[in-house]
C-alpha atoms as a PDB file:
ATOM      1  CA  MET A   1      -1.357 -12.359  -0.932  1.00  0.00           C
ATOM      2  CA  ILE A   2      -0.113  -9.047  -2.218  1.00  0.00           C
ATOM      3  CA  VAL A   3      -2.321  -5.989  -2.022  1.00  0.00           C
ATOM      4  CA  ALA A   4      -1.690  -2.744  -3.845  1.00  0.00           C
ATOM      5  CA  PHE A   5      -3.714   0.088  -2.419  1.00  0.00           C
ATOM      6  CA  SER A   6      -4.014   3.837  -2.690  1.00  0.00           C
ATOM      7  CA  LEU A   7      -5.842   6.210  -0.371  1.00  0.00           C
ATOM      8  CA  SER A   8      -7.098   9.617  -1.492  1.00  0.00           C
ATOM      9  CA  PRO A   9      -8.420  12.026   1.140  1.00  0.00           C
ATOM     10  CA  SER A  10     -10.962  14.679   0.222  1.00  0.00           C
ATOM     11  CA  GLY A  11     -11.354  17.856   2.223  1.00  0.00           C
ATOM     12  CA  GLY A  12     -10.391  18.523   5.806  1.00  0.00           C
ATOM     13  CA  ASP A  13      -6.790  18.936   6.895  1.00  0.00           C
ATOM     14  CA  ALA A  14      -5.538  16.014   4.784  1.00  0.00           C
ATOM     15  CA  VAL A  15      -4.958  17.920   1.555  1.00  0.00           C
ATOM     16  CA  ASP A  16      -1.725  19.935   1.393  1.00  0.00           C
ATOM     17  CA  ALA A  17      -1.808  23.649   0.510  1.00  0.00           C
ATOM     18  CA  ASP A  18      -0.637  22.825  -3.024  1.00  0.00           C
ATOM     19  CA  GLY A  19      -3.365  20.191  -3.483  1.00  0.00           C
ATOM     20  CA  GLY A  20      -1.029  17.286  -2.725  1.00  0.00           C
ATOM     21  CA  MET A  21      -1.672  14.493  -0.306  1.00  0.00           C
ATOM     22  CA  SER A  22       1.811  13.724   1.005  1.00  0.00           C
ATOM     23  CA  GLU A  23       0.981  14.344   4.660  1.00  0.00           C
ATOM     24  CA  ALA A  24      -2.044  12.026   4.561  1.00  0.00           C
ATOM     25  CA  VAL A  25      -0.059   9.421   2.629  1.00  0.00           C
ATOM     26  CA  ALA A  26       2.666   9.594   5.276  1.00  0.00           C
ATOM     27  CA  VAL A  27       0.108   8.847   7.995  1.00  0.00           C
ATOM     28  CA  ALA A  28      -1.046   5.761   6.079  1.00  0.00           C
ATOM     29  CA  VAL A  29       2.513   4.608   5.359  1.00  0.00           C
ATOM     30  CA  GLU A  30       3.365   4.871   9.073  1.00  0.00           C
ATOM     31  CA  VAL A  31       0.550   2.417   9.802  1.00  0.00           C
ATOM     32  CA  VAL A  32       1.773   0.059   7.075  1.00  0.00           C
ATOM     33  CA  ARG A  33       5.392   0.129   8.247  1.00  0.00           C
ATOM     34  CA  ALA A  34       4.394  -0.365  11.885  1.00  0.00           C
ATOM     35  CA  SER A  35       2.561  -3.557  10.870  1.00  0.00           C
ATOM     36  CA  GLY A  36       5.842  -5.374  10.287  1.00  0.00           C
ATOM     37  CA  LEU A  37       4.508  -6.915   7.069  1.00  0.00           C
ATOM     38  CA  PRO A  38       6.635  -6.740   3.914  1.00  0.00           C
ATOM     39  CA  ASN A  39       5.724  -3.511   2.139  1.00  0.00           C
ATOM     40  CA  GLN A  40       6.796  -1.055  -0.511  1.00  0.00           C
ATOM     41  CA  THR A  41       5.614   2.471  -1.240  1.00  0.00           C
ATOM     42  CA  THR A  42       5.754   3.928  -4.743  1.00  0.00           C
ATOM     43  CA  ALA A  43       4.532   7.199  -6.213  1.00  0.00           C
ATOM     44  CA  MET A  44       1.037   5.820  -6.788  1.00  0.00           C
ATOM     45  CA  PHE A  45       0.475   2.771  -4.535  1.00  0.00           C
ATOM     46  CA  THR A  46       1.555   1.067  -1.363  1.00  0.00           C
ATOM     47  CA  TYR A  47       2.141  -2.676  -1.623  1.00  0.00           C
ATOM     48  CA  LEU A  48       1.651  -5.014   1.305  1.00  0.00           C
ATOM     49  CA  GLU A  49       2.223  -8.781   1.565  1.00  0.00           C
ATOM     50  CA  GLY A  50       0.777 -11.224   4.070  1.00  0.00           C
ATOM     51  CA  GLU A  51      -2.217 -13.352   4.910  1.00  0.00           C
ATOM     52  CA  TRP A  52      -5.712 -12.149   4.024  1.00  0.00           C
ATOM     53  CA  ASP A  53      -6.860 -11.085   7.500  1.00  0.00           C
ATOM     54  CA  GLU A  54      -3.619  -9.357   8.495  1.00  0.00           C
ATOM     55  CA  VAL A  55      -3.299  -7.463   5.201  1.00  0.00           C
ATOM     56  CA  MET A  56      -6.909  -6.293   5.255  1.00  0.00           C
ATOM     57  CA  ALA A  57      -6.562  -5.209   8.898  1.00  0.00           C
ATOM     58  CA  VAL A  58      -3.610  -2.988   7.927  1.00  0.00           C
ATOM     59  CA  VAL A  59      -5.491  -1.515   4.953  1.00  0.00           C
ATOM     60  CA  LYS A  60      -8.417  -0.760   7.265  1.00  0.00           C
ATOM     61  CA  ALA A  61      -6.166   0.839   9.906  1.00  0.00           C
ATOM     62  CA  ALA A  62      -4.385   2.951   7.270  1.00  0.00           C
ATOM     63  CA  THR A  63      -7.737   4.062   5.865  1.00  0.00           C
ATOM     64  CA  GLU A  64      -8.978   4.989   9.334  1.00  0.00           C
ATOM     65  CA  ALA A  65      -5.784   6.983   9.995  1.00  0.00           C
ATOM     66  CA  VAL A  66      -6.379   9.036   6.854  1.00  0.00           C
ATOM     67  CA  ALA A  67     -10.101   9.338   7.646  1.00  0.00           C
ATOM     68  CA  ALA A  68      -9.187  10.930  10.985  1.00  0.00           C
ATOM     69  CA  ARG A  69      -7.848  13.868   8.919  1.00  0.00           C
ATOM     70  CA  ALA A  70     -10.411  13.984   6.106  1.00  0.00           C
ATOM     71  CA  PRO A  71     -14.189  13.763   5.967  1.00  0.00           C
ATOM     72  CA  ARG A  72     -13.995  11.501   2.900  1.00  0.00           C
ATOM     73  CA  VAL A  73     -11.456   8.913   1.733  1.00  0.00           C
ATOM     74  CA  GLY A  74     -11.240   7.087  -1.584  1.00  0.00           C
ATOM     75  CA  LEU A  75      -9.667   3.620  -1.585  1.00  0.00           C
ATOM     76  CA  VAL A  76      -8.338   1.783  -4.638  1.00  0.00           C
ATOM     77  CA  LEU A  77      -7.326  -1.802  -3.928  1.00  0.00           C
ATOM     78  CA  LYS A  78      -5.950  -4.575  -6.106  1.00  0.00           C
ATOM     79  CA  ALA A  79      -5.055  -8.002  -4.760  1.00  0.00           C
ATOM     80  CA  ASP A  80      -3.020 -10.955  -6.006  1.00  0.00           C
ATOM     81  CA  ILE A  81      -4.349 -13.919  -4.046  1.00  0.00           C
ATOM     82  CA  ARG A  82      -2.048 -16.918  -4.395  1.00  0.00           C
ATOM     83  CA  PRO A  83      -2.206 -19.268  -1.393  1.00  0.00           C
ATOM     84  CA  GLY A  84       1.023 -20.974  -0.421  1.00  0.00           C
ATOM     85  CA  HIS A  85       3.311 -18.346  -1.935  1.00  0.00           C
ATOM     86  CA  THR A  86       5.355 -15.881   0.093  1.00  0.00           C
ATOM     87  CA  GLY A  87       8.102 -13.458  -0.807  1.00  0.00           C
ATOM     88  CA  GLU A  88       6.278 -12.496  -3.974  1.00  0.00           C
ATOM     89  CA  LEU A  89       6.573  -8.769  -3.354  1.00  0.00           C
ATOM     90  CA  THR A  90      10.147  -9.071  -4.565  1.00  0.00           C
ATOM     91  CA  GLY A  91       9.952 -12.472  -6.268  1.00  0.00           C
ATOM     92  CA  LYS A  92       7.630 -11.335  -9.037  1.00  0.00           C
ATOM     93  CA  VAL A  93       9.933  -8.441  -9.908  1.00  0.00           C
ATOM     94  CA  GLU A  94      13.043 -10.651  -9.831  1.00  0.00           C
ATOM     95  CA  ARG A  95      11.462 -13.068 -12.313  1.00  0.00           C
ATOM     96  CA  VAL A  96      10.675 -10.242 -14.731  1.00  0.00           C
ATOM     97  CA  GLU A  97      14.214  -8.862 -14.379  1.00  0.00           C
ATOM     98  CA  ARG A  98      15.654 -12.281 -15.298  1.00  0.00           C
ATOM     99  CA  HIS A  99      13.739 -12.118 -18.583  1.00  0.00           C
ATOM    100  CA  LEU A 100      15.045  -8.624 -19.255  1.00  0.00           C
ATOM    101  CA  ASP A 101      18.673  -9.635 -18.553  1.00  0.00           C
ATOM    102  CA  PRO A 102      18.987 -13.374 -19.303  1.00  0.00           C
ATOM    103  CA  ASP A 103      22.785 -13.249 -18.799  1.00  0.00           C
ATOM    104  CA  SER A 104      22.498 -12.481 -15.098  1.00  0.00           C
END
């Protein structure tokens, strides 16, 4: 499965002086990267690929890491559940790219 998730801290020390959330996001991304699961971080979401229980455990740990810095955390989560498929974090993008450049 692939999960796209975004964490938004409210209050506490998690919000940067300019209203940004980069420090809190970095704490969450550290948890994701330490998991060893395939992952990708973009401007709006972090993507994570693996089995249901392992992916959800990482999302929970990342949420708890942000919650240690903020009294409230918002979580947006979207999942693509497709048993038996792996490597889809990059595979889905590669298939789209082939349609955009059929000569490659």
